[in-house]
Amino acid sequence: MIDSNKSIKSVVVFGGAGYLGSVMSERLIQEGYRVTIYDELNFGREPISNLLDSEQCQLIVGDIRDSKSVGQAVKNHDAVILLAALVGDPACASDPDETISVNVLGSTNVLEACRQYGTQRFIFASTDSCYGTQTGIINELNPLIPVSLYGEAKMTMEDRIMTAWQEDRIKTSPQTGTLPGFAPVILRMATLYGLSPRMRFDLVLNLLTWRACNGQTIMIYGGEQWRPLVHVRDAAEAYLYALRAPAELVSGQIFNVGANDQNIQIKDLGQTVATVLPHADTEWVDQPPDLRDYHVDFSKVTRVLGWEAQRSMQDGIEEIRDAAANGKFDKNAMHLYRNA
C-alpha cells in the first residue's frame, strides 16, 4: 500500500486494546507509526502486553468520558481512531444509560477534542447495523433506520461528526480553497470475525465455529436474514487505508467496510461452518434472533481507497478451529471472551 499521507506519524487509538483495536494497534506499530493506546482495559492488558515493549507504543488507561484526559491524549497526535464503545446489541441493551454515556457522550468528547486541536485525520468506527432492516442491496446513500440502541447511538454520532465537519468547512476561507484541519472519516463496519489477541466468541461466525469445535449443535435461529461479514485483520487494514489516503479523498466521507462476496444469509453461514467442520450437527429454529436484515454494497471503499478484503470466511473458521485444537482456549471461552 502506498502511503499518500506521510504527514501523519502519530496515532491515538481509543479502544486500542479491544477485539479490533489490539489488531489495529499492532499493525500501526508495524507500519512505523507512533501509537498511543487509550483504553480502560476492562478485559486486561494481556491482549496488548507484547506491544507495550515497543518504543513506538505507549498506554493511557482512561475513560473517554474524561474530557480532560481525552484532550491531553488527542492534542499530541496527528490522527485519532475512535473504536472505544460498548459494542454489540446485547451489550448496549443490557445497560442503556451506560451505552448513552459511553457511546454518545464519551464519543462526543473525542470528537470535540479533535475539532479543537485540528486533528489531521479522525476515523470513527460505525456499524452496518445502522441500516436496520432493508430490502435489496444497500449502500452508503441508503437511509439509516437502526433497530437497536447500539445502532441508534452510532447513527447519532455519525450525525454529530458530519454536522461538525460542515460547520468547520463553513469557517474555512473560500479564497484559500483549503480543507478544514479537522478531517473526519466514518467507516461502517460489517460484522467481524476471526482470531484476535482480545478474542470474542459472541460474534456470529466465531460463535458458530466455537460451538462446532466443541461438539455442540450449531443453532441457526431463523436463518433467512442477511449479514455482511469481514475478517478482523482485513478490517484493521481498512483503517490504515483511510489513514493514509489524501484528505481530499476521505474528508467527510462514509465507507462501508466489508466484502461483497461475504454478504451471507445466516442459514448459509451455518452450512459454511459445517463444511469446514463436517462432524458438526446443525439445527434450525424457526425464530429470528433479532430484526437486523441487510445486504450491503462495499464497492465504494474499493473504488475510492483501493482496499479489498483478503481473507475468507473459511479462513476465519479454520484459524479458530486450529487455535481450539491447539488448546489456546479452554472450555470457559464462551463466557470469558464476550462483550455481554
C-alpha atoms as a PDB file:
ATOM      1  CA  MET A   1       0.000   0.000   0.000  1.00  0.00           C
ATOM      2  CA  ILE A   2       1.397   3.398  -0.983  1.00  0.00           C
ATOM      3  CA  ASP A   3       1.470   5.940   1.822  1.00  0.00           C
ATOM      4  CA  SER A   4      -0.134   9.047   0.329  1.00  0.00           C
ATOM      5  CA  ASN A   5      -0.222  10.898   3.635  1.00  0.00           C
ATOM      6  CA  LYS A   6       3.274  10.906   5.098  1.00  0.00           C
ATOM      7  CA  SER A   7       2.493  13.857   7.362  1.00  0.00           C
ATOM      8  CA  ILE A   8       0.677  11.546   9.775  1.00  0.00           C
ATOM      9  CA  LYS A   9       3.230   9.997  12.082  1.00  0.00           C
ATOM     10  CA  SER A  10       1.395   9.547  15.389  1.00  0.00           C
ATOM     11  CA  VAL A  11      -1.987   7.980  16.122  1.00  0.00           C
ATOM     12  CA  VAL A  12      -4.036   7.600  19.289  1.00  0.00           C
ATOM     13  CA  VAL A  13      -6.351   4.581  19.206  1.00  0.00           C
ATOM     14  CA  PHE A  14      -9.239   4.933  21.629  1.00  0.00           C
ATOM     15  CA  GLY A  15     -10.228   1.366  22.435  1.00  0.00           C
ATOM     16  CA  GLY A  16      -6.850   0.102  21.240  1.00  0.00           C
ATOM     17  CA  ALA A  17      -6.849  -2.970  23.493  1.00  0.00           C
ATOM     18  CA  GLY A  18     -10.133  -4.398  22.197  1.00  0.00           C
ATOM     19  CA  TYR A  19     -11.037  -7.057  19.648  1.00  0.00           C
ATOM     20  CA  LEU A  20     -10.338  -4.834  16.636  1.00  0.00           C
ATOM     21  CA  GLY A  21      -8.158  -2.327  18.467  1.00  0.00           C
ATOM     22  CA  SER A  22      -5.476  -4.792  19.542  1.00  0.00           C
ATOM     23  CA  VAL A  23      -5.060  -5.972  15.945  1.00  0.00           C
ATOM     24  CA  MET A  24      -5.030  -2.423  14.624  1.00  0.00           C
ATOM     25  CA  SER A  25      -2.552  -1.126  17.205  1.00  0.00           C
ATOM     26  CA  GLU A  26      -0.143  -3.891  16.256  1.00  0.00           C
ATOM     27  CA  ARG A  27      -0.436  -3.085  12.534  1.00  0.00           C
ATOM     28  CA  LEU A  28       0.121   0.632  13.120  1.00  0.00           C
ATOM     29  CA  ILE A  29       3.303  -0.104  15.048  1.00  0.00           C
ATOM     30  CA  GLN A  30       4.469  -2.467  12.317  1.00  0.00           C
ATOM     31  CA  GLU A  31       3.946   0.317   9.790  1.00  0.00           C
ATOM     32  CA  GLY A  32       6.130   2.703  11.753  1.00  0.00           C
ATOM     33  CA  TYR A  33       3.551   4.934  13.454  1.00  0.00           C
ATOM     34  CA  ARG A  34       3.932   6.205  16.998  1.00  0.00           C
ATOM     35  CA  VAL A  35       0.879   4.760  18.718  1.00  0.00           C
ATOM     36  CA  THR A  36      -0.888   5.651  21.930  1.00  0.00           C
ATOM     37  CA  ILE A  37      -3.395   3.062  23.103  1.00  0.00           C
ATOM     38  CA  TYR A  38      -6.122   4.713  25.168  1.00  0.00           C
ATOM     39  CA  ASP A  39      -8.261   2.083  26.870  1.00  0.00           C
ATOM     40  CA  GLU A  40      -9.989   1.302  30.154  1.00  0.00           C
ATOM     41  CA  LEU A  41      -8.536  -2.229  29.999  1.00  0.00           C
ATOM     42  CA  ASN A  42     -11.827  -3.790  31.081  1.00  0.00           C
ATOM     43  CA  PHE A  43     -10.501  -7.045  29.654  1.00  0.00           C
ATOM     44  CA  GLY A  44      -6.969  -6.630  30.985  1.00  0.00           C
ATOM     45  CA  ARG A  45      -3.702  -5.656  29.334  1.00  0.00           C
ATOM     46  CA  GLU A  46      -2.745  -9.126  28.137  1.00  0.00           C
ATOM     47  CA  PRO A  47      -4.003  -8.515  24.549  1.00  0.00           C
ATOM     48  CA  ILE A  48      -1.502  -5.660  24.124  1.00  0.00           C
ATOM     49  CA  SER A  49       1.248  -6.724  26.543  1.00  0.00           C
ATOM     50  CA  ASN A  50       3.658  -7.518  23.712  1.00  0.00           C
ATOM     51  CA  LEU A  51       3.061  -4.112  22.093  1.00  0.00           C
ATOM     52  CA  LEU A  52       3.986  -2.174  25.228  1.00  0.00           C
ATOM     53  CA  ASP A  53       7.599  -3.291  24.887  1.00  0.00           C
ATOM     54  CA  SER A  54       7.900  -1.202  21.731  1.00  0.00           C
ATOM     55  CA  GLU A  55       9.379   2.295  21.944  1.00  0.00           C
ATOM     56  CA  GLN A  56       6.713   3.348  19.445  1.00  0.00           C
ATOM     57  CA  CYS A  57       3.871   2.479  21.828  1.00  0.00           C
ATOM     58  CA  GLN A  58       2.502   3.989  24.989  1.00  0.00           C
ATOM     59  CA  LEU A  59      -0.586   3.211  27.041  1.00  0.00           C
ATOM     60  CA  ILE A  60      -3.059   5.579  28.665  1.00  0.00           C
ATOM     61  CA  VAL A  61      -5.510   3.815  30.947  1.00  0.00           C
ATOM     62  CA  GLY A  62      -8.527   6.059  30.735  1.00  0.00           C
ATOM     63  CA  ASP A  63     -12.229   6.559  30.089  1.00  0.00           C
ATOM     64  CA  ILE A  64     -13.390   8.560  27.061  1.00  0.00           C
ATOM     65  CA  ARG A  65     -15.932  10.265  29.329  1.00  0.00           C
ATOM     66  CA  ASP A  66     -12.993  12.057  30.997  1.00  0.00           C
ATOM     67  CA  SER A  67     -12.785  15.100  28.710  1.00  0.00           C
ATOM     68  CA  LYS A  68      -9.530  16.432  30.186  1.00  0.00           C
ATOM     69  CA  SER A  69      -7.743  13.099  29.747  1.00  0.00           C
ATOM     70  CA  VAL A  70      -9.112  12.759  26.220  1.00  0.00           C
ATOM     71  CA  GLY A  71      -7.952  16.241  25.270  1.00  0.00           C
ATOM     72  CA  GLN A  72      -4.451  15.631  26.571  1.00  0.00           C
ATOM     73  CA  ALA A  73      -4.219  12.441  24.518  1.00  0.00           C
ATOM     74  CA  VAL A  74      -5.560  13.983  21.324  1.00  0.00           C
ATOM     75  CA  LYS A  75      -3.501  17.174  21.238  1.00  0.00           C
ATOM     76  CA  ASN A  76      -0.163  15.423  20.773  1.00  0.00           C
ATOM     77  CA  HIS A  77      -1.184  13.214  17.863  1.00  0.00           C
ATOM     78  CA  ASP A  78      -1.667  13.686  14.144  1.00  0.00           C
ATOM     79  CA  ALA A  79      -4.575  11.259  13.883  1.00  0.00           C
ATOM     80  CA  VAL A  80      -7.264   9.696  16.054  1.00  0.00           C
ATOM     81  CA  ILE A  81      -9.083   6.397  15.608  1.00  0.00           C
ATOM     82  CA  LEU A  82     -12.180   6.055  17.778  1.00  0.00           C
ATOM     83  CA  LEU A  83     -13.119   2.447  18.484  1.00  0.00           C
ATOM     84  CA  ALA A  84     -13.910   2.795  22.200  1.00  0.00           C
ATOM     85  CA  ALA A  85     -17.555   1.964  22.832  1.00  0.00           C
ATOM     86  CA  LEU A  86     -19.939  -0.561  24.245  1.00  0.00           C
ATOM     87  CA  VAL A  87     -20.069  -2.786  21.157  1.00  0.00           C
ATOM     88  CA  GLY A  88     -22.920  -5.011  20.048  1.00  0.00           C
ATOM     89  CA  ASP A  89     -26.662  -5.055  20.550  1.00  0.00           C
ATOM     90  CA  PRO A  90     -26.721  -7.262  23.695  1.00  0.00           C
ATOM     91  CA  ALA A  91     -24.028  -5.249  25.500  1.00  0.00           C
ATOM     92  CA  CYS A  92     -25.825  -1.979  24.771  1.00  0.00           C
ATOM     93  CA  ALA A  93     -29.299  -3.261  25.584  1.00  0.00           C
ATOM     94  CA  SER A  94     -28.173  -4.574  28.974  1.00  0.00           C
ATOM     95  CA  ASP A  95     -27.421  -1.040  30.263  1.00  0.00           C
ATOM     96  CA  PRO A  96     -28.950   1.732  28.134  1.00  0.00           C
ATOM     97  CA  ASP A  97     -27.774   4.572  30.380  1.00  0.00           C
ATOM     98  CA  GLU A  98     -24.181   3.346  30.270  1.00  0.00           C
ATOM     99  CA  THR A  99     -24.461   2.989  26.493  1.00  0.00           C
ATOM    100  CA  ILE A 100     -25.541   6.595  26.015  1.00  0.00           C
ATOM    101  CA  SER A 101     -22.889   7.755  28.464  1.00  0.00           C
ATOM    102  CA  VAL A 102     -20.045   5.997  26.654  1.00  0.00           C
ATOM    103  CA  ASN A 103     -21.133   5.714  23.010  1.00  0.00           C
ATOM    104  CA  VAL A 104     -22.604   9.203  22.681  1.00  0.00           C
ATOM    105  CA  LEU A 105     -21.339  11.485  25.453  1.00  0.00           C
ATOM    106  CA  GLY A 106     -17.874   9.929  25.628  1.00  0.00           C
ATOM    107  CA  SER A 107     -17.528   9.776  21.851  1.00  0.00           C
ATOM    108  CA  THR A 108     -18.548  13.431  21.656  1.00  0.00           C
ATOM    109  CA  ASN A 109     -15.624  14.262  23.969  1.00  0.00           C
ATOM    110  CA  VAL A 110     -13.249  12.704  21.448  1.00  0.00           C
ATOM    111  CA  LEU A 111     -14.957  14.442  18.528  1.00  0.00           C
ATOM    112  CA  GLU A 112     -14.745  17.866  20.134  1.00  0.00           C
ATOM    113  CA  ALA A 113     -11.112  17.367  21.165  1.00  0.00           C
ATOM    114  CA  CYS A 114     -10.250  16.552  17.549  1.00  0.00           C
ATOM    115  CA  ARG A 115     -12.013  19.710  16.376  1.00  0.00           C
ATOM    116  CA  GLN A 116     -10.313  21.915  18.929  1.00  0.00           C
ATOM    117  CA  TYR A 117      -6.844  20.597  18.161  1.00  0.00           C
ATOM    118  CA  GLY A 118      -7.319  20.375  14.383  1.00  0.00           C
ATOM    119  CA  THR A 119      -6.596  16.652  14.199  1.00  0.00           C
ATOM    120  CA  GLN A 120      -5.466  15.825  10.670  1.00  0.00           C
ATOM    121  CA  ARG A 121      -7.453  12.603  10.457  1.00  0.00           C
ATOM    122  CA  PHE A 122     -10.317  11.430  12.690  1.00  0.00           C
ATOM    123  CA  ILE A 123     -11.589   7.943  11.865  1.00  0.00           C
ATOM    124  CA  PHE A 124     -14.814   6.873  13.553  1.00  0.00           C
ATOM    125  CA  ALA A 125     -15.876   3.244  13.809  1.00  0.00           C
ATOM    126  CA  SER A 126     -19.557   2.996  12.963  1.00  0.00           C
ATOM    127  CA  THR A 127     -21.540  -0.100  12.027  1.00  0.00           C
ATOM    128  CA  ASP A 128     -23.653  -1.528   9.243  1.00  0.00           C
ATOM    129  CA  SER A 129     -26.197  -2.258  11.978  1.00  0.00           C
ATOM    130  CA  CYS A 130     -27.320   1.335  11.414  1.00  0.00           C
ATOM    131  CA  TYR A 131     -29.124   0.110   8.282  1.00  0.00           C
ATOM    132  CA  GLY A 132     -31.522  -1.969  10.379  1.00  0.00           C
ATOM    133  CA  THR A 133     -33.880  -3.907   8.127  1.00  0.00           C
ATOM    134  CA  GLN A 134     -33.893  -3.038   4.423  1.00  0.00           C
ATOM    135  CA  THR A 135     -34.549  -4.948   1.222  1.00  0.00           C
ATOM    136  CA  GLY A 136     -32.294  -5.039  -1.801  1.00  0.00           C
ATOM    137  CA  ILE A 137     -28.601  -4.192  -1.859  1.00  0.00           C
ATOM    138  CA  ILE A 138     -27.897  -1.046   0.130  1.00  0.00           C
ATOM    139  CA  ASN A 139     -25.007   1.418   0.003  1.00  0.00           C
ATOM    140  CA  GLU A 140     -23.784   4.499   1.849  1.00  0.00           C
ATOM    141  CA  LEU A 141     -26.637   6.607   0.431  1.00  0.00           C
ATOM    142  CA  ASN A 142     -29.407   4.476   1.907  1.00  0.00           C
ATOM    143  CA  PRO A 143     -31.246   5.879   4.933  1.00  0.00           C
ATOM    144  CA  LEU A 144     -30.249   4.733   8.407  1.00  0.00           C
ATOM    145  CA  ILE A 145     -33.071   3.004  10.260  1.00  0.00           C
ATOM    146  CA  PRO A 146     -31.426   1.224  13.205  1.00  0.00           C
ATOM    147  CA  VAL A 147     -33.477  -1.220  15.248  1.00  0.00           C
ATOM    148  CA  SER A 148     -31.198  -1.297  18.312  1.00  0.00           C
ATOM    149  CA  LEU A 149     -29.733   1.151  20.803  1.00  0.00           C
ATOM    150  CA  TYR A 150     -26.261   0.254  19.546  1.00  0.00           C
ATOM    151  CA  GLY A 151     -27.191   1.299  16.018  1.00  0.00           C
ATOM    152  CA  GLU A 152     -29.041   4.398  17.213  1.00  0.00           C
ATOM    153  CA  ALA A 153     -26.045   5.617  19.212  1.00  0.00           C
ATOM    154  CA  LYS A 154     -23.729   5.139  16.233  1.00  0.00           C
ATOM    155  CA  MET A 155     -26.168   6.986  13.985  1.00  0.00           C
ATOM    156  CA  THR A 156     -26.286   9.858  16.473  1.00  0.00           C
ATOM    157  CA  MET A 157     -22.503  10.126  16.416  1.00  0.00           C
ATOM    158  CA  GLU A 158     -22.402   9.998  12.623  1.00  0.00           C
ATOM    159  CA  ASP A 159     -24.796  12.955  12.556  1.00  0.00           C
ATOM    160  CA  ARG A 160     -22.700  14.886  15.059  1.00  0.00           C
ATOM    161  CA  ILE A 161     -19.490  14.223  13.159  1.00  0.00           C
ATOM    162  CA  MET A 162     -20.898  15.294   9.815  1.00  0.00           C
ATOM    163  CA  THR A 163     -22.509  18.407  11.321  1.00  0.00           C
ATOM    164  CA  ALA A 164     -19.200  19.355  12.928  1.00  0.00           C
ATOM    165  CA  TRP A 165     -17.361  18.852   9.655  1.00  0.00           C
ATOM    166  CA  GLN A 166     -19.834  21.020   7.745  1.00  0.00           C
ATOM    167  CA  GLU A 167     -19.560  23.762  10.366  1.00  0.00           C
ATOM    168  CA  ASP A 168     -15.787  23.728  10.144  1.00  0.00           C
ATOM    169  CA  ARG A 169     -15.915  23.843   6.343  1.00  0.00           C
ATOM    170  CA  ILE A 170     -18.039  26.993   6.505  1.00  0.00           C
ATOM    171  CA  LYS A 171     -15.419  28.597   8.732  1.00  0.00           C
ATOM    172  CA  THR A 172     -12.697  27.826   6.193  1.00  0.00           C
ATOM    173  CA  SER A 173     -11.905  30.742   3.908  1.00  0.00           C
ATOM    174  CA  PRO A 174     -13.292  30.017   0.416  1.00  0.00           C
ATOM    175  CA  GLN A 175     -10.491  32.153  -1.044  1.00  0.00           C
ATOM    176  CA  THR A 176      -7.827  29.714   0.123  1.00  0.00           C
ATOM    177  CA  GLY A 177      -9.632  26.645  -1.119  1.00  0.00           C
ATOM    178  CA  THR A 178      -8.128  24.661   1.758  1.00  0.00           C
ATOM    179  CA  LEU A 179      -9.856  21.906   3.687  1.00  0.00           C
ATOM    180  CA  PRO A 180     -10.573  22.402   7.394  1.00  0.00           C
ATOM    181  CA  GLY A 181      -7.894  20.991   9.700  1.00  0.00           C
ATOM    182  CA  PHE A 182     -10.413  18.574  11.208  1.00  0.00           C
ATOM    183  CA  ALA A 183     -10.834  15.760   8.670  1.00  0.00           C
ATOM    184  CA  PRO A 184     -13.283  13.036   9.743  1.00  0.00           C
ATOM    185  CA  VAL A 185     -13.863   9.681   8.061  1.00  0.00           C
ATOM    186  CA  ILE A 186     -16.649   7.259   9.022  1.00  0.00           C
ATOM    187  CA  LEU A 187     -16.234   3.526   8.497  1.00  0.00           C
ATOM    188  CA  ARG A 188     -19.407   1.466   8.766  1.00  0.00           C
ATOM    189  CA  MET A 189     -18.131  -1.954   9.706  1.00  0.00           C
ATOM    190  CA  ALA A 190     -19.561  -5.302   8.695  1.00  0.00           C
ATOM    191  CA  THR A 191     -19.784  -7.967  11.414  1.00  0.00           C
ATOM    192  CA  LEU A 192     -16.253  -9.006  12.335  1.00  0.00           C
ATOM    193  CA  TYR A 193     -14.850 -12.495  12.727  1.00  0.00           C
ATOM    194  CA  GLY A 194     -11.500 -14.228  13.155  1.00  0.00           C
ATOM    195  CA  LEU A 195      -8.758 -14.514  15.761  1.00  0.00           C
ATOM    196  CA  SER A 196      -7.626 -11.504  17.778  1.00  0.00           C
ATOM    197  CA  PRO A 197      -5.375 -11.046  20.817  1.00  0.00           C
ATOM    198  CA  ARG A 198      -8.557  -9.954  22.647  1.00  0.00           C
ATOM    199  CA  MET A 199     -10.829 -12.679  21.382  1.00  0.00           C
ATOM    200  CA  ARG A 200     -14.621 -12.543  21.136  1.00  0.00           C
ATOM    201  CA  PHE A 201     -16.912 -15.530  20.800  1.00  0.00           C
ATOM    202  CA  ASP A 202     -20.153 -13.533  20.801  1.00  0.00           C
ATOM    203  CA  LEU A 203     -19.795 -12.726  17.091  1.00  0.00           C
ATOM    204  CA  VAL A 204     -21.841 -14.942  14.827  1.00  0.00           C
ATOM    205  CA  LEU A 205     -19.136 -16.743  12.821  1.00  0.00           C
ATOM    206  CA  ASN A 206     -16.864 -17.109  15.849  1.00  0.00           C
ATOM    207  CA  LEU A 207     -19.763 -18.385  17.936  1.00  0.00           C
ATOM    208  CA  LEU A 208     -20.924 -20.995  15.441  1.00  0.00           C
ATOM    209  CA  THR A 209     -17.361 -22.172  14.880  1.00  0.00           C
ATOM    210  CA  TRP A 210     -16.647 -22.458  18.602  1.00  0.00           C
ATOM    211  CA  ARG A 211     -19.796 -24.492  19.158  1.00  0.00           C
ATOM    212  CA  ALA A 212     -18.867 -26.832  16.308  1.00  0.00           C
ATOM    213  CA  CYS A 213     -15.303 -27.220  17.622  1.00  0.00           C
ATOM    214  CA  ASN A 214     -16.653 -28.297  20.998  1.00  0.00           C
ATOM    215  CA  GLY A 215     -19.129 -30.847  19.743  1.00  0.00           C
ATOM    216  CA  GLN A 216     -22.143 -28.621  20.279  1.00  0.00           C
ATOM    217  CA  THR A 217     -25.017 -28.249  17.849  1.00  0.00           C
ATOM    218  CA  ILE A 218     -24.830 -25.219  15.535  1.00  0.00           C
ATOM    219  CA  MET A 219     -28.089 -23.423  16.299  1.00  0.00           C
ATOM    220  CA  ILE A 220     -29.496 -21.309  13.461  1.00  0.00           C
ATOM    221  CA  TYR A 221     -32.333 -19.017  14.541  1.00  0.00           C
ATOM    222  CA  GLY A 222     -34.456 -18.025  11.565  1.00  0.00           C
ATOM    223  CA  GLY A 223     -31.678 -18.100   9.003  1.00  0.00           C
ATOM    224  CA  GLU A 224     -33.150 -16.009   6.191  1.00  0.00           C
ATOM    225  CA  GLN A 225     -31.670 -12.729   7.450  1.00  0.00           C
ATOM    226  CA  TRP A 226     -28.621 -11.328   5.682  1.00  0.00           C
ATOM    227  CA  ARG A 227     -25.369 -10.333   7.403  1.00  0.00           C
ATOM    228  CA  PRO A 228     -22.244  -8.821   5.856  1.00  0.00           C
ATOM    229  CA  LEU A 229     -19.014 -10.171   7.344  1.00  0.00           C
ATOM    230  CA  VAL A 230     -15.337  -9.174   7.322  1.00  0.00           C
ATOM    231  CA  HIS A 231     -12.222 -10.602   8.958  1.00  0.00           C
ATOM    232  CA  VAL A 232     -10.903  -8.540  11.867  1.00  0.00           C
ATOM    233  CA  ARG A 233      -7.453  -8.243  10.249  1.00  0.00           C
ATOM    234  CA  ASP A 234      -8.931  -7.054   6.969  1.00  0.00           C
ATOM    235  CA  ALA A 235     -10.961  -4.514   8.935  1.00  0.00           C
ATOM    236  CA  ALA A 236      -7.793  -3.218  10.592  1.00  0.00           C
ATOM    237  CA  GLU A 237      -6.219  -2.761   7.157  1.00  0.00           C
ATOM    238  CA  ALA A 238      -9.176  -0.636   6.061  1.00  0.00           C
ATOM    239  CA  TYR A 239      -8.341   1.864   8.802  1.00  0.00           C
ATOM    240  CA  LEU A 240      -4.761   2.064   7.563  1.00  0.00           C
ATOM    241  CA  TYR A 241      -6.042   2.809   4.061  1.00  0.00           C
ATOM    242  CA  ALA A 242      -8.307   5.548   5.437  1.00  0.00           C
ATOM    243  CA  LEU A 243      -5.409   6.909   7.484  1.00  0.00           C
ATOM    244  CA  ARG A 244      -3.006   7.087   4.552  1.00  0.00           C
ATOM    245  CA  ALA A 245      -5.340   8.417   1.878  1.00  0.00           C
ATOM    246  CA  PRO A 246      -5.144  12.089   0.834  1.00  0.00           C
ATOM    247  CA  ALA A 247      -7.525  14.299   2.814  1.00  0.00           C
ATOM    248  CA  GLU A 248      -9.416  15.341  -0.312  1.00  0.00           C
ATOM    249  CA  LEU A 249     -10.382  11.689  -0.911  1.00  0.00           C
ATOM    250  CA  VAL A 250     -11.719  10.878   2.540  1.00  0.00           C
ATOM    251  CA  SER A 251     -12.569  14.027   4.463  1.00  0.00           C
ATOM    252  CA  GLY A 252     -16.280  13.947   5.296  1.00  0.00           C
ATOM    253  CA  GLN A 253     -16.718  10.568   3.595  1.00  0.00           C
ATOM    254  CA  ILE A 254     -18.525   7.439   4.752  1.00  0.00           C
ATOM    255  CA  PHE A 255     -17.394   3.969   3.684  1.00  0.00           C
ATOM    256  CA  ASN A 256     -18.994   0.590   4.216  1.00  0.00           C
ATOM    257  CA  VAL A 257     -16.202  -1.843   5.120  1.00  0.00           C
ATOM    258  CA  GLY A 258     -16.706  -5.463   4.141  1.00  0.00           C
ATOM    259  CA  ALA A 259     -16.672  -7.789   1.170  1.00  0.00           C
ATOM    260  CA  ASN A 260     -19.478  -8.136  -1.356  1.00  0.00           C
ATOM    261  CA  ASP A 261     -18.959 -11.898  -1.549  1.00  0.00           C
ATOM    262  CA  GLN A 262     -19.214 -12.152   2.237  1.00  0.00           C
ATOM    263  CA  ASN A 263     -22.794 -10.978   2.420  1.00  0.00           C
ATOM    264  CA  ILE A 264     -24.403 -14.186   3.609  1.00  0.00           C
ATOM    265  CA  GLN A 265     -27.675 -15.460   4.992  1.00  0.00           C
ATOM    266  CA  ILE A 266     -27.306 -16.934   8.469  1.00  0.00           C
ATOM    267  CA  LYS A 267     -28.551 -20.331   7.300  1.00  0.00           C
ATOM    268  CA  ASP A 268     -25.757 -20.441   4.699  1.00  0.00           C
ATOM    269  CA  LEU A 269     -23.205 -19.355   7.273  1.00  0.00           C
ATOM    270  CA  GLY A 270     -24.148 -22.387   9.341  1.00  0.00           C
ATOM    271  CA  GLN A 271     -23.609 -24.585   6.304  1.00  0.00           C
ATOM    272  CA  THR A 272     -20.224 -22.928   5.658  1.00  0.00           C
ATOM    273  CA  VAL A 273     -19.106 -23.782   9.190  1.00  0.00           C
ATOM    274  CA  ALA A 274     -20.390 -27.334   8.765  1.00  0.00           C
ATOM    275  CA  THR A 275     -18.432 -27.689   5.515  1.00  0.00           C
ATOM    276  CA  VAL A 276     -15.152 -26.946   7.312  1.00  0.00           C
ATOM    277  CA  LEU A 277     -16.183 -28.926  10.406  1.00  0.00           C
ATOM    278  CA  PRO A 278     -18.235 -31.773   8.896  1.00  0.00           C
ATOM    279  CA  HIS A 279     -18.727 -33.526  12.224  1.00  0.00           C
ATOM    280  CA  ALA A 280     -20.885 -30.637  13.455  1.00  0.00           C
ATOM    281  CA  ASP A 281     -24.650 -31.012  13.795  1.00  0.00           C
ATOM    282  CA  THR A 282     -26.856 -28.130  12.643  1.00  0.00           C
ATOM    283  CA  GLU A 283     -30.329 -27.323  13.934  1.00  0.00           C
ATOM    284  CA  TRP A 284     -32.687 -24.714  12.523  1.00  0.00           C
ATOM    285  CA  VAL A 285     -35.067 -22.916  14.858  1.00  0.00           C
ATOM    286  CA  ASP A 286     -37.981 -21.075  13.263  1.00  0.00           C
ATOM    287  CA  GLN A 287     -37.444 -17.893  15.233  1.00  0.00           C
ATOM    288  CA  PRO A 288     -35.369 -14.847  14.217  1.00  0.00           C
ATOM    289  CA  PRO A 289     -32.794 -13.732  16.810  1.00  0.00           C
ATOM    290  CA  ASP A 290     -33.316 -10.037  16.023  1.00  0.00           C
ATOM    291  CA  LEU A 291     -34.714  -7.685  13.404  1.00  0.00           C
ATOM    292  CA  ARG A 292     -31.490  -6.815  11.564  1.00  0.00           C
ATOM    293  CA  ASP A 293     -31.536  -7.870   7.927  1.00  0.00           C
ATOM    294  CA  TYR A 294     -29.411  -6.079   5.347  1.00  0.00           C
ATOM    295  CA  HIS A 295     -27.324  -6.888   2.269  1.00  0.00           C
ATOM    296  CA  VAL A 296     -24.598  -4.271   1.846  1.00  0.00           C
ATOM    297  CA  ASP A 297     -22.649  -2.999  -1.160  1.00  0.00           C
ATOM    298  CA  PHE A 298     -18.938  -2.454  -0.417  1.00  0.00           C
ATOM    299  CA  SER A 299     -17.885  -1.137  -3.819  1.00  0.00           C
ATOM    300  CA  LYS A 300     -17.104   2.431  -2.699  1.00  0.00           C
ATOM    301  CA  VAL A 301     -14.246   1.564  -0.332  1.00  0.00           C
ATOM    302  CA  THR A 302     -12.571  -0.438  -3.109  1.00  0.00           C
ATOM    303  CA  ARG A 303     -13.216   2.177  -5.791  1.00  0.00           C
ATOM    304  CA  VAL A 304     -12.021   5.162  -3.732  1.00  0.00           C
ATOM    305  CA  LEU A 305      -9.383   3.700  -1.406  1.00  0.00           C
ATOM    306  CA  GLY A 306      -8.337   0.544  -3.221  1.00  0.00           C
ATOM    307  CA  TRP A 307      -8.989  -1.602  -0.141  1.00  0.00           C
ATOM    308  CA  GLU A 308     -10.266  -5.148  -0.578  1.00  0.00           C
ATOM    309  CA  ALA A 309     -10.743  -7.977   1.897  1.00  0.00           C
ATOM    310  CA  GLN A 310      -8.032 -10.627   1.593  1.00  0.00           C
ATOM    311  CA  ARG A 311      -9.406 -13.300   3.931  1.00  0.00           C
ATOM    312  CA  SER A 312     -12.410 -15.563   3.508  1.00  0.00           C
ATOM    313  CA  MET A 313     -14.951 -16.889   5.979  1.00  0.00           C
ATOM    314  CA  GLN A 314     -13.327 -20.290   5.581  1.00  0.00           C
ATOM    315  CA  ASP A 315     -10.000 -18.751   6.643  1.00  0.00           C
ATOM    316  CA  GLY A 316     -11.621 -17.469   9.814  1.00  0.00           C
ATOM    317  CA  ILE A 317     -13.286 -20.785  10.597  1.00  0.00           C
ATOM    318  CA  GLU A 318     -10.064 -22.726  10.044  1.00  0.00           C
ATOM    319  CA  GLU A 319      -7.928 -20.449  12.218  1.00  0.00           C
ATOM    320  CA  ILE A 320     -10.390 -20.702  15.113  1.00  0.00           C
ATOM    321  CA  ARG A 321     -10.577 -24.463  14.627  1.00  0.00           C
ATOM    322  CA  ASP A 322      -6.789 -24.733  14.718  1.00  0.00           C
ATOM    323  CA  ALA A 323      -6.479 -22.476  17.764  1.00  0.00           C
ATOM    324  CA  ALA A 324      -9.072 -24.552  19.615  1.00  0.00           C
ATOM    325  CA  ALA A 325      -7.325 -27.786  18.637  1.00  0.00           C
ATOM    326  CA  ASN A 326      -4.028 -26.392  19.969  1.00  0.00           C
ATOM    327  CA  GLY A 327      -5.562 -25.595  23.344  1.00  0.00           C
ATOM    328  CA  LYS A 328      -5.493 -21.812  23.009  1.00  0.00           C
ATOM    329  CA  PHE A 329      -8.930 -21.511  24.610  1.00  0.00           C
ATOM    330  CA  ASP A 330     -10.388 -23.576  27.430  1.00  0.00           C
ATOM    331  CA  LYS A 331     -13.973 -24.716  27.841  1.00  0.00           C
ATOM    332  CA  ASN A 332     -14.949 -21.436  29.526  1.00  0.00           C
ATOM    333  CA  ALA A 333     -14.011 -19.392  26.475  1.00  0.00           C
ATOM    334  CA  MET A 334     -17.633 -18.660  25.551  1.00  0.00           C
ATOM    335  CA  HIS A 335     -18.170 -16.982  28.915  1.00  0.00           C
ATOM    336  CA  LEU A 336     -14.810 -15.211  29.081  1.00  0.00           C
ATOM    337  CA  TYR A 337     -14.435 -13.839  25.571  1.00  0.00           C
ATOM    338  CA  ARG A 338     -17.583 -11.820  25.000  1.00  0.00           C
ATOM    339  CA  ASN A 339     -18.859  -8.271  25.417  1.00  0.00           C
ATOM    340  CA  ALA A 340     -22.089  -9.192  27.196  1.00  0.00           C
END
